[in-house]
C-alpha atoms as a PDB file:
ATOM      1  CA  MET A   1      86.424 -32.746  38.817  1.00  0.00           C
ATOM      2  CA  LYS A   2      89.886 -32.511  39.710  1.00  0.00           C
ATOM      3  CA  ARG A   3      89.879 -29.317  37.835  1.00  0.00           C
ATOM      4  CA  ILE A   4      87.132 -27.739  40.003  1.00  0.00           C
ATOM      5  CA  ILE A   5      88.886 -29.149  43.061  1.00  0.00           C
ATOM      6  CA  ILE A   6      92.233 -27.354  42.012  1.00  0.00           C
ATOM      7  CA  VAL A   7      89.913 -24.181  41.433  1.00  0.00           C
ATOM      8  CA  PHE A   8      88.004 -24.618  44.890  1.00  0.00           C
ATOM      9  CA  PHE A   9      91.610 -24.811  46.719  1.00  0.00           C
ATOM     10  CA  VAL A  10      93.219 -21.801  45.001  1.00  0.00           C
ATOM     11  CA  VAL A  11      90.252 -19.870  45.948  1.00  0.00           C
ATOM     12  CA  PHE A  12      90.425 -20.885  49.447  1.00  0.00           C
ATOM     13  CA  CYS A  13      93.844 -20.018  49.919  1.00  0.00           C
ATOM     14  CA  LEU A  14      93.913 -16.755  48.169  1.00  0.00           C
ATOM     15  CA  PHE A  15      90.933 -15.838  50.351  1.00  0.00           C
ATOM     16  CA  LEU A  16      92.928 -17.067  53.712  1.00  0.00           C
ATOM     17  CA  PHE A  17      96.088 -15.042  52.416  1.00  0.00           C
ATOM     18  CA  LEU A  18      94.030 -11.812  52.316  1.00  0.00           C
ATOM     19  CA  PHE A  19      92.291 -12.221  56.011  1.00  0.00           C
ATOM     20  CA  ILE A  20      95.715 -13.241  57.536  1.00  0.00           C
ATOM     21  CA  ASN A  21      97.226 -10.087  55.911  1.00  0.00           C
ATOM     22  CA  THR A  22      94.211  -7.493  56.599  1.00  0.00           C
ATOM     23  CA  LYS A  23      94.742  -9.140  60.499  1.00  0.00           C
ATOM     24  CA  LYS A  24      98.207  -8.251  60.397  1.00  0.00           C
ATOM     25  CA  GLN A  25      97.459  -4.788  59.624  1.00  0.00           C
ATOM     26  CA  GLY A  26      94.949  -4.285  61.926  1.00  0.00           C
ATOM     27  CA  GLY A  27      92.067  -3.211  59.740  1.00  0.00           C
ATOM     28  CA  ILE A  28      89.412  -4.938  61.141  1.00  0.00           C
ATOM     29  CA  GLU A  29      86.173  -4.556  59.162  1.00  0.00           C
ATOM     30  CA  PRO A  30      83.449  -3.373  61.596  1.00  0.00           C
ATOM     31  CA  LYS A  31      79.585  -4.739  60.836  1.00  0.00           C
ATOM     32  CA  GLU A  32      78.474  -1.178  61.685  1.00  0.00           C
ATOM     33  CA  GLU A  33      79.625   2.020  60.320  1.00  0.00           C
ATOM     34  CA  VAL A  34      82.974   3.360  62.055  1.00  0.00           C
ATOM     35  CA  LYS A  35      82.323   6.650  64.382  1.00  0.00           C
ATOM     36  CA  TYR A  36      84.784   9.337  65.101  1.00  0.00           C
ATOM     37  CA  ASP A  37      84.987  12.012  67.751  1.00  0.00           C
ATOM     38  CA  LEU A  38      87.663  14.638  68.630  1.00  0.00           C
ATOM     39  CA  VAL A  39      89.412  14.974  71.921  1.00  0.00           C
ATOM     40  CA  LYS A  40      88.485  18.740  73.043  1.00  0.00           C
ATOM     41  CA  TYR A  41      87.517  20.312  76.190  1.00  0.00           C
ATOM     42  CA  ARG A  42      83.757  19.888  77.344  1.00  0.00           C
ATOM     43  CA  ASN A  43      81.860  20.140  80.482  1.00  0.00           C
ATOM     44  CA  ILE A  44      81.568  16.293  82.240  1.00  0.00           C
ATOM     45  CA  GLU A  45      78.286  16.105  83.597  1.00  0.00           C
ATOM     46  CA  VAL A  46      78.873  13.827  86.976  1.00  0.00           C
ATOM     47  CA  SER A  47      76.320  12.017  88.483  1.00  0.00           C
ATOM     48  CA  PHE A  48      75.050   9.706  91.580  1.00  0.00           C
ATOM     49  CA  GLU A  49      72.222   8.392  93.090  1.00  0.00           C
ATOM     50  CA  CYS A  50      71.355   8.687  97.144  1.00  0.00           C
ATOM     51  CA  GLU A  51      68.788   9.088  99.525  1.00  0.00           C
ATOM     52  CA  GLY A  52      68.044  12.391 101.118  1.00  0.00           C
ATOM     53  CA  LEU A  53      65.675  14.062 103.883  1.00  0.00           C
ATOM     54  CA  ILE A  54      63.507  17.333 103.021  1.00  0.00           C
ATOM     55  CA  GLU A  55      64.048  19.650 105.694  1.00  0.00           C
ATOM     56  CA  ALA A  56      63.421  23.223 106.421  1.00  0.00           C
ATOM     57  CA  TYR A  57      65.551  26.020 105.255  1.00  0.00           C
ATOM     58  CA  LYS A  58      64.303  28.521 106.622  1.00  0.00           C
ATOM     59  CA  ILE A  59      62.396  28.763 110.251  1.00  0.00           C
ATOM     60  CA  TYR A  60      60.339  31.421 111.974  1.00  0.00           C
ATOM     61  CA  LYS A  61      59.626  31.316 115.744  1.00  0.00           C
ATOM     62  CA  PHE A  62      56.785  33.301 117.156  1.00  0.00           C
ATOM     63  CA  TYR A  63      57.374  34.590 120.956  1.00  0.00           C
ATOM     64  CA  PRO A  64      54.350  36.356 122.287  1.00  0.00           C
ATOM     65  CA  PRO A  65      54.729  39.832 123.226  1.00  0.00           C
ATOM     66  CA  GLU A  66      53.893  39.276 127.128  1.00  0.00           C
ATOM     67  CA  LYS A  67      52.585  36.226 129.104  1.00  0.00           C
ATOM     68  CA  SER A  68      49.052  36.186 126.650  1.00  0.00           C
ATOM     69  CA  MET A  69      46.213  33.602 126.394  1.00  0.00           C
ATOM     70  CA  VAL A  70      45.619  31.379 123.504  1.00  0.00           C
ATOM     71  CA  GLU A  71      42.261  32.586 122.082  1.00  0.00           C
ATOM     72  CA  LYS A  72      42.083  30.247 119.000  1.00  0.00           C
ATOM     73  CA  ILE A  73      44.035  28.307 116.726  1.00  0.00           C
ATOM     74  CA  PHE A  74      43.267  28.720 112.922  1.00  0.00           C
ATOM     75  CA  LYS A  75      46.339  26.253 111.796  1.00  0.00           C
ATOM     76  CA  TYR A  76      47.632  23.693 113.428  1.00  0.00           C
ATOM     77  CA  PRO A  77      50.833  21.314 113.011  1.00  0.00           C
ATOM     78  CA  GLY A  78      51.134  19.799 109.899  1.00  0.00           C
ATOM     79  CA  GLU A  79      48.945  22.203 107.901  1.00  0.00           C
ATOM     80  CA  VAL A  80      50.332  24.499 104.982  1.00  0.00           C
ATOM     81  CA  VAL A  81      49.682  28.326 105.047  1.00  0.00           C
ATOM     82  CA  HIS A  82      50.340  31.375 102.462  1.00  0.00           C
ATOM     83  CA  LYS A  83      51.715  34.125 103.319  1.00  0.00           C
ATOM     84  CA  GLY A  84      48.879  36.767 105.454  1.00  0.00           C
ATOM     85  CA  ASP A  85      46.862  33.631 106.778  1.00  0.00           C
ATOM     86  CA  THR A  86      46.034  34.094 110.459  1.00  0.00           C
ATOM     87  CA  ILE A  87      47.499  31.143 112.397  1.00  0.00           C
ATOM     88  CA  ALA A  88      46.459  32.199 115.773  1.00  0.00           C
ATOM     89  CA  ARG A  89      44.939  34.697 118.176  1.00  0.00           C
ATOM     90  CA  LEU A  90      46.100  35.476 121.648  1.00  0.00           C
ATOM     91  CA  SER A  91      44.304  37.492 124.056  1.00  0.00           C
ATOM     92  CA  ASN A  92      45.829  39.924 126.520  1.00  0.00           C
ATOM     93  CA  HIS A  93      43.852  42.012 128.545  1.00  0.00           C
ATOM     94  CA  GLU A  94      46.369  44.271 129.836  1.00  0.00           C
ATOM     95  CA  LEU A  95      48.064  45.020 126.792  1.00  0.00           C
ATOM     96  CA  GLU A  96      44.546  45.456 124.828  1.00  0.00           C
ATOM     97  CA  TYR A  97      43.671  48.014 127.710  1.00  0.00           C
ATOM     98  CA  ARG A  98      47.076  50.008 126.944  1.00  0.00           C
ATOM     99  CA  TYR A  99      45.869  49.948 123.256  1.00  0.00           C
ATOM    100  CA  GLU A 100      42.798  51.448 123.410  1.00  0.00           C
ATOM    101  CA  LYS A 101      43.725  53.869 126.016  1.00  0.00           C
ATOM    102  CA  ALA A 102      46.613  55.088 123.906  1.00  0.00           C
ATOM    103  CA  ARG A 103      44.408  55.234 120.806  1.00  0.00           C
ATOM    104  CA  TYR A 104      41.775  57.525 122.501  1.00  0.00           C
ATOM    105  CA  GLU A 105      44.195  59.701 123.712  1.00  0.00           C
ATOM    106  CA  LEU A 106      45.570  60.521 120.504  1.00  0.00           C
ATOM    107  CA  THR A 107      41.729  60.906 118.861  1.00  0.00           C
ATOM    108  CA  GLU A 108      41.197  63.322 121.482  1.00  0.00           C
ATOM    109  CA  LEU A 109      44.528  65.358 121.483  1.00  0.00           C
ATOM    110  CA  ASN A 110      43.802  65.703 117.671  1.00  0.00           C
ATOM    111  CA  LYS A 111      40.419  66.580 117.976  1.00  0.00           C
ATOM    112  CA  ASN A 112      41.327  69.635 120.442  1.00  0.00           C
ATOM    113  CA  LEU A 113      44.211  70.445 118.155  1.00  0.00           C
ATOM    114  CA  ASN A 114      41.557  70.802 114.726  1.00  0.00           C
ATOM    115  CA  GLU A 115      39.061  72.669 117.201  1.00  0.00           C
ATOM    116  CA  ILE A 116      41.874  75.165 118.073  1.00  0.00           C
ATOM    117  CA  LEU A 117      43.080  75.612 114.758  1.00  0.00           C
ATOM    118  CA  SER A 118      39.194  76.089 113.473  1.00  0.00           C
ATOM    119  CA  SER A 119      38.740  78.751 116.044  1.00  0.00           C
ATOM    120  CA  GLY A 120      38.239  82.333 114.557  1.00  0.00           C
ATOM    121  CA  SER A 121      39.544  83.740 117.721  1.00  0.00           C
ATOM    122  CA  LEU A 122      43.407  82.721 117.337  1.00  0.00           C
ATOM    123  CA  LYS A 123      44.985  85.764 115.566  1.00  0.00           C
ATOM    124  CA  ASN A 124      48.217  83.689 115.089  1.00  0.00           C
ATOM    125  CA  TYR A 125      48.509  79.841 114.239  1.00  0.00           C
ATOM    126  CA  TYR A 126      51.781  79.221 115.825  1.00  0.00           C
ATOM    127  CA  THR A 127      50.484  80.198 119.285  1.00  0.00           C
ATOM    128  CA  LYS A 128      52.417  78.516 122.359  1.00  0.00           C
ATOM    129  CA  GLU A 129      49.165  76.439 122.950  1.00  0.00           C
ATOM    130  CA  ILE A 130      49.168  74.787 119.817  1.00  0.00           C
ATOM    131  CA  LYS A 131      53.168  74.277 119.990  1.00  0.00           C
ATOM    132  CA  GLU A 132      52.768  72.321 122.989  1.00  0.00           C
ATOM    133  CA  LEU A 133      49.751  70.320 121.800  1.00  0.00           C
ATOM    134  CA  LYS A 134      51.694  69.561 118.765  1.00  0.00           C
ATOM    135  CA  GLU A 135      54.580  68.525 120.708  1.00  0.00           C
ATOM    136  CA  GLU A 136      52.449  66.378 123.023  1.00  0.00           C
ATOM    137  CA  MET A 137      50.673  64.597 119.873  1.00  0.00           C
ATOM    138  CA  GLU A 138      53.731  63.628 118.379  1.00  0.00           C
ATOM    139  CA  LYS A 139      54.966  62.071 121.837  1.00  0.00           C
ATOM    140  CA  LYS A 140      51.887  59.716 121.421  1.00  0.00           C
ATOM    141  CA  LYS A 141      52.266  59.195 118.169  1.00  0.00           C
ATOM    142  CA  ILE A 142      55.339  57.590 119.087  1.00  0.00           C
ATOM    143  CA  GLU A 143      53.988  56.003 122.133  1.00  0.00           C
ATOM    144  CA  PHE A 144      50.899  54.532 120.413  1.00  0.00           C
ATOM    145  CA  SER A 145      53.206  53.108 117.643  1.00  0.00           C
ATOM    146  CA  PHE A 146      54.838  51.109 119.939  1.00  0.00           C
ATOM    147  CA  ILE A 147      52.114  49.541 121.650  1.00  0.00           C
ATOM    148  CA  LYS A 148      50.119  49.021 118.207  1.00  0.00           C
ATOM    149  CA  LYS A 149      53.074  46.871 117.081  1.00  0.00           C
ATOM    150  CA  GLU A 150      52.697  44.734 120.437  1.00  0.00           C
ATOM    151  CA  TYR A 151      49.097  44.598 119.961  1.00  0.00           C
ATOM    152  CA  GLU A 152      49.080  43.405 116.415  1.00  0.00           C
ATOM    153  CA  ARG A 153      51.261  40.710 117.282  1.00  0.00           C
ATOM    154  CA  LEU A 154      48.723  39.234 119.614  1.00  0.00           C
ATOM    155  CA  ASN A 155      47.122  38.275 115.748  1.00  0.00           C
ATOM    156  CA  ILE A 156      49.867  35.702 114.245  1.00  0.00           C
ATOM    157  CA  VAL A 157      50.211  36.252 110.374  1.00  0.00           C
ATOM    158  CA  ALA A 158      52.285  33.992 108.452  1.00  0.00           C
ATOM    159  CA  PRO A 159      55.250  36.131 107.010  1.00  0.00           C
ATOM    160  CA  PHE A 160      55.549  33.452 104.251  1.00  0.00           C
ATOM    161  CA  ASN A 161      54.011  30.460 102.908  1.00  0.00           C
ATOM    162  CA  GLY A 162      54.983  27.991 105.249  1.00  0.00           C
ATOM    163  CA  PHE A 163      54.409  24.879 107.004  1.00  0.00           C
ATOM    164  CA  VAL A 164      53.368  24.581 110.611  1.00  0.00           C
ATOM    165  CA  LEU A 165      55.913  22.706 112.453  1.00  0.00           C
ATOM    166  CA  ARG A 166      54.572  22.944 116.315  1.00  0.00           C
ATOM    167  CA  ILE A 167      52.435  25.189 118.562  1.00  0.00           C
ATOM    168  CA  ASN A 168      53.480  25.015 121.993  1.00  0.00           C
ATOM    169  CA  ALA A 169      50.401  25.591 123.792  1.00  0.00           C
ATOM    170  CA  LYS A 170      46.310  24.586 123.148  1.00  0.00           C
ATOM    171  CA  VAL A 171      42.980  26.946 123.357  1.00  0.00           C
ATOM    172  CA  GLY A 172      42.769  28.365 126.696  1.00  0.00           C
ATOM    173  CA  GLU A 173      46.096  28.456 128.401  1.00  0.00           C
ATOM    174  CA  TYR A 174      49.001  30.919 128.910  1.00  0.00           C
ATOM    175  CA  THR A 175      52.214  31.021 126.768  1.00  0.00           C
ATOM    176  CA  GLU A 176      54.811  33.647 127.387  1.00  0.00           C
ATOM    177  CA  GLY A 177      57.844  31.288 125.754  1.00  0.00           C
ATOM    178  CA  GLU A 178      58.406  30.278 121.997  1.00  0.00           C
ATOM    179  CA  PHE A 179      54.842  29.521 120.915  1.00  0.00           C
ATOM    180  CA  LEU A 180      55.396  28.652 117.287  1.00  0.00           C
ATOM    181  CA  LYS A 181      57.341  27.260 114.823  1.00  0.00           C
ATOM    182  CA  LEU A 182      57.204  27.518 110.935  1.00  0.00           C
ATOM    183  CA  SER A 183      58.962  26.471 108.048  1.00  0.00           C
ATOM    184  CA  ASN A 184      58.981  28.198 104.905  1.00  0.00           C
ATOM    185  CA  ILE A 185      58.273  26.039 102.061  1.00  0.00           C
ATOM    186  CA  ASP A 186      58.952  27.930  99.312  1.00  0.00           C
ATOM    187  CA  THR A 187      62.643  27.030  99.963  1.00  0.00           C
ATOM    188  CA  LEU A 188      63.544  23.734 101.224  1.00  0.00           C
ATOM    189  CA  LEU A 189      66.939  22.374 101.935  1.00  0.00           C
ATOM    190  CA  LEU A 190      68.143  18.658 100.757  1.00  0.00           C
ATOM    191  CA  LYS A 191      70.132  16.746 103.308  1.00  0.00           C
ATOM    192  CA  VAL A 192      71.997  13.581 101.555  1.00  0.00           C
ATOM    193  CA  ARG A 193      74.400  11.152 102.584  1.00  0.00           C
ATOM    194  CA  LEU A 194      77.633  10.840 100.643  1.00  0.00           C
ATOM    195  CA  SER A 195      80.430   8.915 100.062  1.00  0.00           C
ATOM    196  CA  ILE A 196      84.256  10.391 100.428  1.00  0.00           C
ATOM    197  CA  GLU A 197      84.679  10.222  96.842  1.00  0.00           C
ATOM    198  CA  GLU A 198      81.377  12.152  95.946  1.00  0.00           C
ATOM    199  CA  LEU A 199      81.645  14.688  98.601  1.00  0.00           C
ATOM    200  CA  LEU A 200      85.299  15.572  97.351  1.00  0.00           C
ATOM    201  CA  LYS A 201      83.981  16.483  94.137  1.00  0.00           C
ATOM    202  CA  LEU A 202      81.431  19.125  95.555  1.00  0.00           C
ATOM    203  CA  LYS A 203      82.172  22.455  96.812  1.00  0.00           C
ATOM    204  CA  VAL A 204      79.941  24.796  98.837  1.00  0.00           C
ATOM    205  CA  GLY A 205      78.299  27.683  96.689  1.00  0.00           C
ATOM    206  CA  GLN A 206      78.380  24.693  93.500  1.00  0.00           C
ATOM    207  CA  LYS A 207      75.311  24.990  91.609  1.00  0.00           C
ATOM    208  CA  ILE A 208      73.850  21.248  90.722  1.00  0.00           C
ATOM    209  CA  LYS A 209      70.656  19.675  89.366  1.00  0.00           C
ATOM    210  CA  VAL A 210      68.478  17.390  91.378  1.00  0.00           C
ATOM    211  CA  ILE A 211      66.020  14.647  89.837  1.00  0.00           C
ATOM    212  CA  PHE A 212      63.534  13.900  92.980  1.00  0.00           C
ATOM    213  CA  TYR A 213      62.862  10.071  91.395  1.00  0.00           C
ATOM    214  CA  SER A 214      60.297  10.270  94.590  1.00  0.00           C
ATOM    215  CA  HIS A 215      58.026  13.215  93.505  1.00  0.00           C
ATOM    216  CA  ASN A 216      57.499  12.423  89.901  1.00  0.00           C
ATOM    217  CA  ASN A 217      60.978  12.640  88.673  1.00  0.00           C
ATOM    218  CA  SER A 218      60.800  16.496  89.002  1.00  0.00           C
ATOM    219  CA  CYS A 219      64.175  17.807  88.237  1.00  0.00           C
ATOM    220  CA  LEU A 220      64.978  20.885  90.300  1.00  0.00           C
ATOM    221  CA  GLU A 221      68.086  23.217  90.719  1.00  0.00           C
ATOM    222  CA  GLY A 222      70.037  23.805  93.725  1.00  0.00           C
ATOM    223  CA  ILE A 223      72.857  25.125  95.696  1.00  0.00           C
ATOM    224  CA  VAL A 224      75.452  23.467  97.897  1.00  0.00           C
ATOM    225  CA  LEU A 225      74.758  25.108 100.807  1.00  0.00           C
ATOM    226  CA  TYR A 226      77.323  22.934 103.374  1.00  0.00           C
ATOM    227  CA  LEU A 227      79.360  19.528 103.579  1.00  0.00           C
ATOM    228  CA  ASN A 228      80.098  17.873 106.938  1.00  0.00           C
ATOM    229  CA  TYR A 229      80.356  14.729 108.220  1.00  0.00           C
ATOM    230  CA  GLU A 230      78.629  13.136 111.635  1.00  0.00           C
ATOM    231  CA  GLY A 231      79.280  10.352 113.789  1.00  0.00           C
ATOM    232  CA  GLU A 232      82.291   8.542 115.171  1.00  0.00           C
ATOM    233  CA  LYS A 233      85.044   7.498 113.385  1.00  0.00           C
ATOM    234  CA  ILE A 234      84.401   3.665 112.765  1.00  0.00           C
ATOM    235  CA  LYS A 235      87.494   1.929 110.552  1.00  0.00           C
ATOM    236  CA  GLU A 236      88.100   5.031 109.142  1.00  0.00           C
ATOM    237  CA  ASN A 237      84.666   5.621 107.928  1.00  0.00           C
ATOM    238  CA  TYR A 238      82.726   8.491 108.554  1.00  0.00           C
ATOM    239  CA  GLU A 239      78.973   9.630 107.294  1.00  0.00           C
ATOM    240  CA  PHE A 240      79.623  12.540 105.189  1.00  0.00           C
ATOM    241  CA  PHE A 241      76.331  14.957 104.438  1.00  0.00           C
ATOM    242  CA  ALA A 242      76.015  17.699 101.976  1.00  0.00           C
ATOM    243  CA  GLY A 243      72.972  20.190 102.468  1.00  0.00           C
ATOM    244  CA  ILE A 244      71.389  21.892  99.069  1.00  0.00           C
ATOM    245  CA  LYS A 245      69.049  24.472  98.952  1.00  0.00           C
ATOM    246  CA  PHE A 246      66.710  24.201  96.226  1.00  0.00           C
ATOM    247  CA  ARG A 247      63.229  25.935  95.389  1.00  0.00           C
ATOM    248  CA  ARG A 248      59.900  23.758  96.553  1.00  0.00           C
ATOM    249  CA  HIS A 249      58.022  21.824  93.980  1.00  0.00           C
ATOM    250  CA  ARG A 250      54.425  21.198  94.244  1.00  0.00           C
ATOM    251  CA  ASN A 251      53.717  18.543  97.206  1.00  0.00           C
ATOM    252  CA  MET A 252      57.269  18.714  98.930  1.00  0.00           C
ATOM    253  CA  LEU A 253      57.331  19.021 102.638  1.00  0.00           C
ATOM    254  CA  PRO A 254      59.563  19.272 105.256  1.00  0.00           C
ATOM    255  CA  GLY A 255      60.205  15.912 107.118  1.00  0.00           C
ATOM    256  CA  SER A 256      59.568  13.906 103.919  1.00  0.00           C
ATOM    257  CA  LYS A 257      62.423  11.304 102.524  1.00  0.00           C
ATOM    258  CA  ALA A 258      63.244  11.650  98.747  1.00  0.00           C
ATOM    259  CA  ASN A 259      65.394   9.383  96.406  1.00  0.00           C
ATOM    260  CA  VAL A 260      67.525  11.221  94.277  1.00  0.00           C
ATOM    261  CA  LYS A 261      69.766  11.753  91.600  1.00  0.00           C
ATOM    262  CA  ILE A 262      72.512  14.397  91.624  1.00  0.00           C
ATOM    263  CA  LEU A 263      73.973  15.713  88.677  1.00  0.00           C
ATOM    264  CA  TYR A 264      77.041  18.520  88.611  1.00  0.00           C
ATOM    265  CA  ASP A 265      79.141  19.741  85.748  1.00  0.00           C
ATOM    266  CA  PHE A 266      82.803  19.973  85.858  1.00  0.00           C
ATOM    267  CA  SER A 267      83.876  23.011  82.814  1.00  0.00           C
ATOM    268  CA  ASN A 268      86.710  22.746  80.535  1.00  0.00           C
ATOM    269  CA  ARG A 269      87.966  19.085  81.046  1.00  0.00           C
ATOM    270  CA  LEU A 270      89.859  17.722  77.927  1.00  0.00           C
ATOM    271  CA  SER A 271      87.697  14.344  77.280  1.00  0.00           C
ATOM    272  CA  ILE A 272      86.476  11.985  75.009  1.00  0.00           C
ATOM    273  CA  PRO A 273      83.467  10.090  74.519  1.00  0.00           C
ATOM    274  CA  SER A 274      83.414   7.450  77.487  1.00  0.00           C
ATOM    275  CA  ASP A 275      82.350   4.593  74.871  1.00  0.00           C
ATOM    276  CA  ALA A 276      85.638   5.203  73.162  1.00  0.00           C
ATOM    277  CA  ILE A 277      87.662   3.906  76.261  1.00  0.00           C
ATOM    278  CA  ILE A 278      88.467   0.234  76.875  1.00  0.00           C
ATOM    279  CA  GLU A 279      90.089  -1.597  79.340  1.00  0.00           C
ATOM    280  CA  LYS A 280      92.586  -4.103  79.038  1.00  0.00           C
ATOM    281  CA  ASN A 281      94.191  -5.816  82.171  1.00  0.00           C
ATOM    282  CA  GLY A 282      93.359  -2.980  84.535  1.00  0.00           C
ATOM    283  CA  LYS A 283      95.031  -0.196  81.818  1.00  0.00           C
ATOM    284  CA  TYR A 284      93.081   2.222  79.307  1.00  0.00           C
ATOM    285  CA  PHE A 285      93.136   2.491  75.753  1.00  0.00           C
ATOM    286  CA  VAL A 286      91.836   4.489  72.997  1.00  0.00           C
ATOM    287  CA  LEU A 287      91.984   3.383  69.009  1.00  0.00           C
ATOM    288  CA  LEU A 288      93.240   6.369  66.575  1.00  0.00           C
ATOM    289  CA  LYS A 289      91.945   7.123  63.460  1.00  0.00           C
ATOM    290  CA  ASN A 290      94.828   5.907  61.865  1.00  0.00           C
ATOM    291  CA  GLY A 291      94.742   2.663  63.889  1.00  0.00           C
ATOM    292  CA  GLU A 292      97.171   3.277  66.326  1.00  0.00           C
ATOM    293  CA  ILE A 293      96.104   1.878  69.732  1.00  0.00           C
ATOM    294  CA  ARG A 294      97.215   4.566  72.627  1.00  0.00           C
ATOM    295  CA  GLY A 295      97.270   4.007  76.216  1.00  0.00           C
ATOM    296  CA  ILE A 296      95.428   6.788  78.331  1.00  0.00           C
ATOM    297  CA  ASN A 297      95.161   7.948  81.926  1.00  0.00           C
ATOM    298  CA  ILE A 298      91.967   8.809  83.001  1.00  0.00           C
ATOM    299  CA  GLY A 299      90.136  11.322  85.607  1.00  0.00           C
ATOM    300  CA  LEU A 300      86.621  12.052  85.755  1.00  0.00           C
ATOM    301  CA  SER A 301      83.980   9.521  84.666  1.00  0.00           C
ATOM    302  CA  GLY A 302      80.569  11.417  83.777  1.00  0.00           C
ATOM    303  CA  SER A 303      77.898   9.688  82.021  1.00  0.00           C
ATOM    304  CA  GLN A 304      78.671  10.586  78.599  1.00  0.00           C
ATOM    305  CA  PHE A 305      82.205  11.904  78.687  1.00  0.00           C
ATOM    306  CA  THR A 306      85.356  10.877  80.633  1.00  0.00           C
ATOM    307  CA  GLU A 307      88.194  13.145  81.333  1.00  0.00           C
ATOM    308  CA  VAL A 308      91.645  12.458  79.559  1.00  0.00           C
ATOM    309  CA  LEU A 309      94.946  13.356  81.765  1.00  0.00           C
ATOM    310  CA  SER A 310      97.507  11.898  79.470  1.00  0.00           C
ATOM    311  CA  GLY A 311      98.092   9.502  76.587  1.00  0.00           C
ATOM    312  CA  VAL A 312      96.202  11.796  73.825  1.00  0.00           C
ATOM    313  CA  VAL A 313      96.131  15.599  73.216  1.00  0.00           C
ATOM    314  CA  GLU A 314      93.189  18.045  71.905  1.00  0.00           C
ATOM    315  CA  ASN A 315      92.317  17.523  68.274  1.00  0.00           C
ATOM    316  CA  ASP A 316      93.691  14.246  68.154  1.00  0.00           C
ATOM    317  CA  THR A 317      90.954  12.011  66.168  1.00  0.00           C
ATOM    318  CA  ILE A 318      89.682   8.895  67.959  1.00  0.00           C
ATOM    319  CA  VAL A 319      87.150   5.796  66.885  1.00  0.00           C
ATOM    320  CA  SER A 320      84.382   6.063  69.231  1.00  0.00           C
ATOM    321  CA  GLY A 321      82.268   3.065  68.064  1.00  0.00           C
ATOM    322  CA  PRO A 322      80.939   0.894  67.554  1.00  0.00           C
ATOM    323  CA  VAL A 323      81.879  -0.756  70.658  1.00  0.00           C
ATOM    324  CA  ASP A 324      82.471  -4.253  69.174  1.00  0.00           C
ATOM    325  CA  TYR A 325      84.607  -3.055  66.764  1.00  0.00           C
ATOM    326  CA  LEU A 326      87.006  -1.269  69.383  1.00  0.00           C
ATOM    327  CA  HIS A 327      87.114  -4.533  71.496  1.00  0.00           C
ATOM    328  CA  LYS A 328      88.260  -6.425  68.390  1.00  0.00           C
ATOM    329  CA  SER A 329      90.716  -3.843  67.562  1.00  0.00           C
ATOM    330  CA  ILE A 330      92.279  -3.659  70.852  1.00  0.00           C
ATOM    331  CA  TYR A 331      92.198  -7.220  72.278  1.00  0.00           C
ATOM    332  CA  GLY A 332      92.779  -8.914  68.568  1.00  0.00           C
ATOM    333  CA  LYS A 333      89.841 -10.987  68.894  1.00  0.00           C
END
């Protein structure tokens, strides 16, 4: 019995010695396989979630050629129109009379010219009479072309796929100012509210991605059109906004709210996996492959990678996981 107790005691002491010695050397055995990664230059994808408002990017305003009466309205505010659709028809008797008169006069001149040219009594094609008739026809063509353009404006046709925002007169009423506002729906504008930190990460002309949670998680590409702020200065705080142009997707219309996630890349940044960084007492550390614990300074932090400003250099090999192993190695417990 004493021999068994002695053997057990010796084995226990040996195990305790090995455990203490291993801990002193910093070699904590992980439960999972250790993962390694290189410090290298990558594109860092940064994202943030916010609320926004979908607005019109391009607005078409229609003014009648002259004071005209609304004869018929085919599309009303809130309706979607396609390029070439007739939105409304106006009536202007004086303009219609001038159009018909100019068309008739041009037709008669052309008829007279053809009769003269087909006459066998003419010896020379370039007679004075023909020359004067042709000159008069050219003047009438120019006059008719101008009147025709004005006349065709009485029939209001959508110049692009759009959304009717406003019609300022009813059927039977006269209009001479702004009659119609139509927004382009092929291209829209997303206006989002940002924090100052988020604003400083963006720049005009930057290409980004937008995930619309409120529209079936549609992921669309966009371009930052503007960055600005609105409102009064209150306790050093402003309301910052960004305008993002993007191609319309399905049922998106101006005036609708959107819950979105903005994603954008910062290229060529020295970085490591974000999971490889351990915070301790407000400072950041990484574990190198050789067991050395190294303090680092970080910059941009993305969904997968974080920029490293100092502490490690390109091609250093760091431990990127498992997280429990990193915590035990750096915290010592």
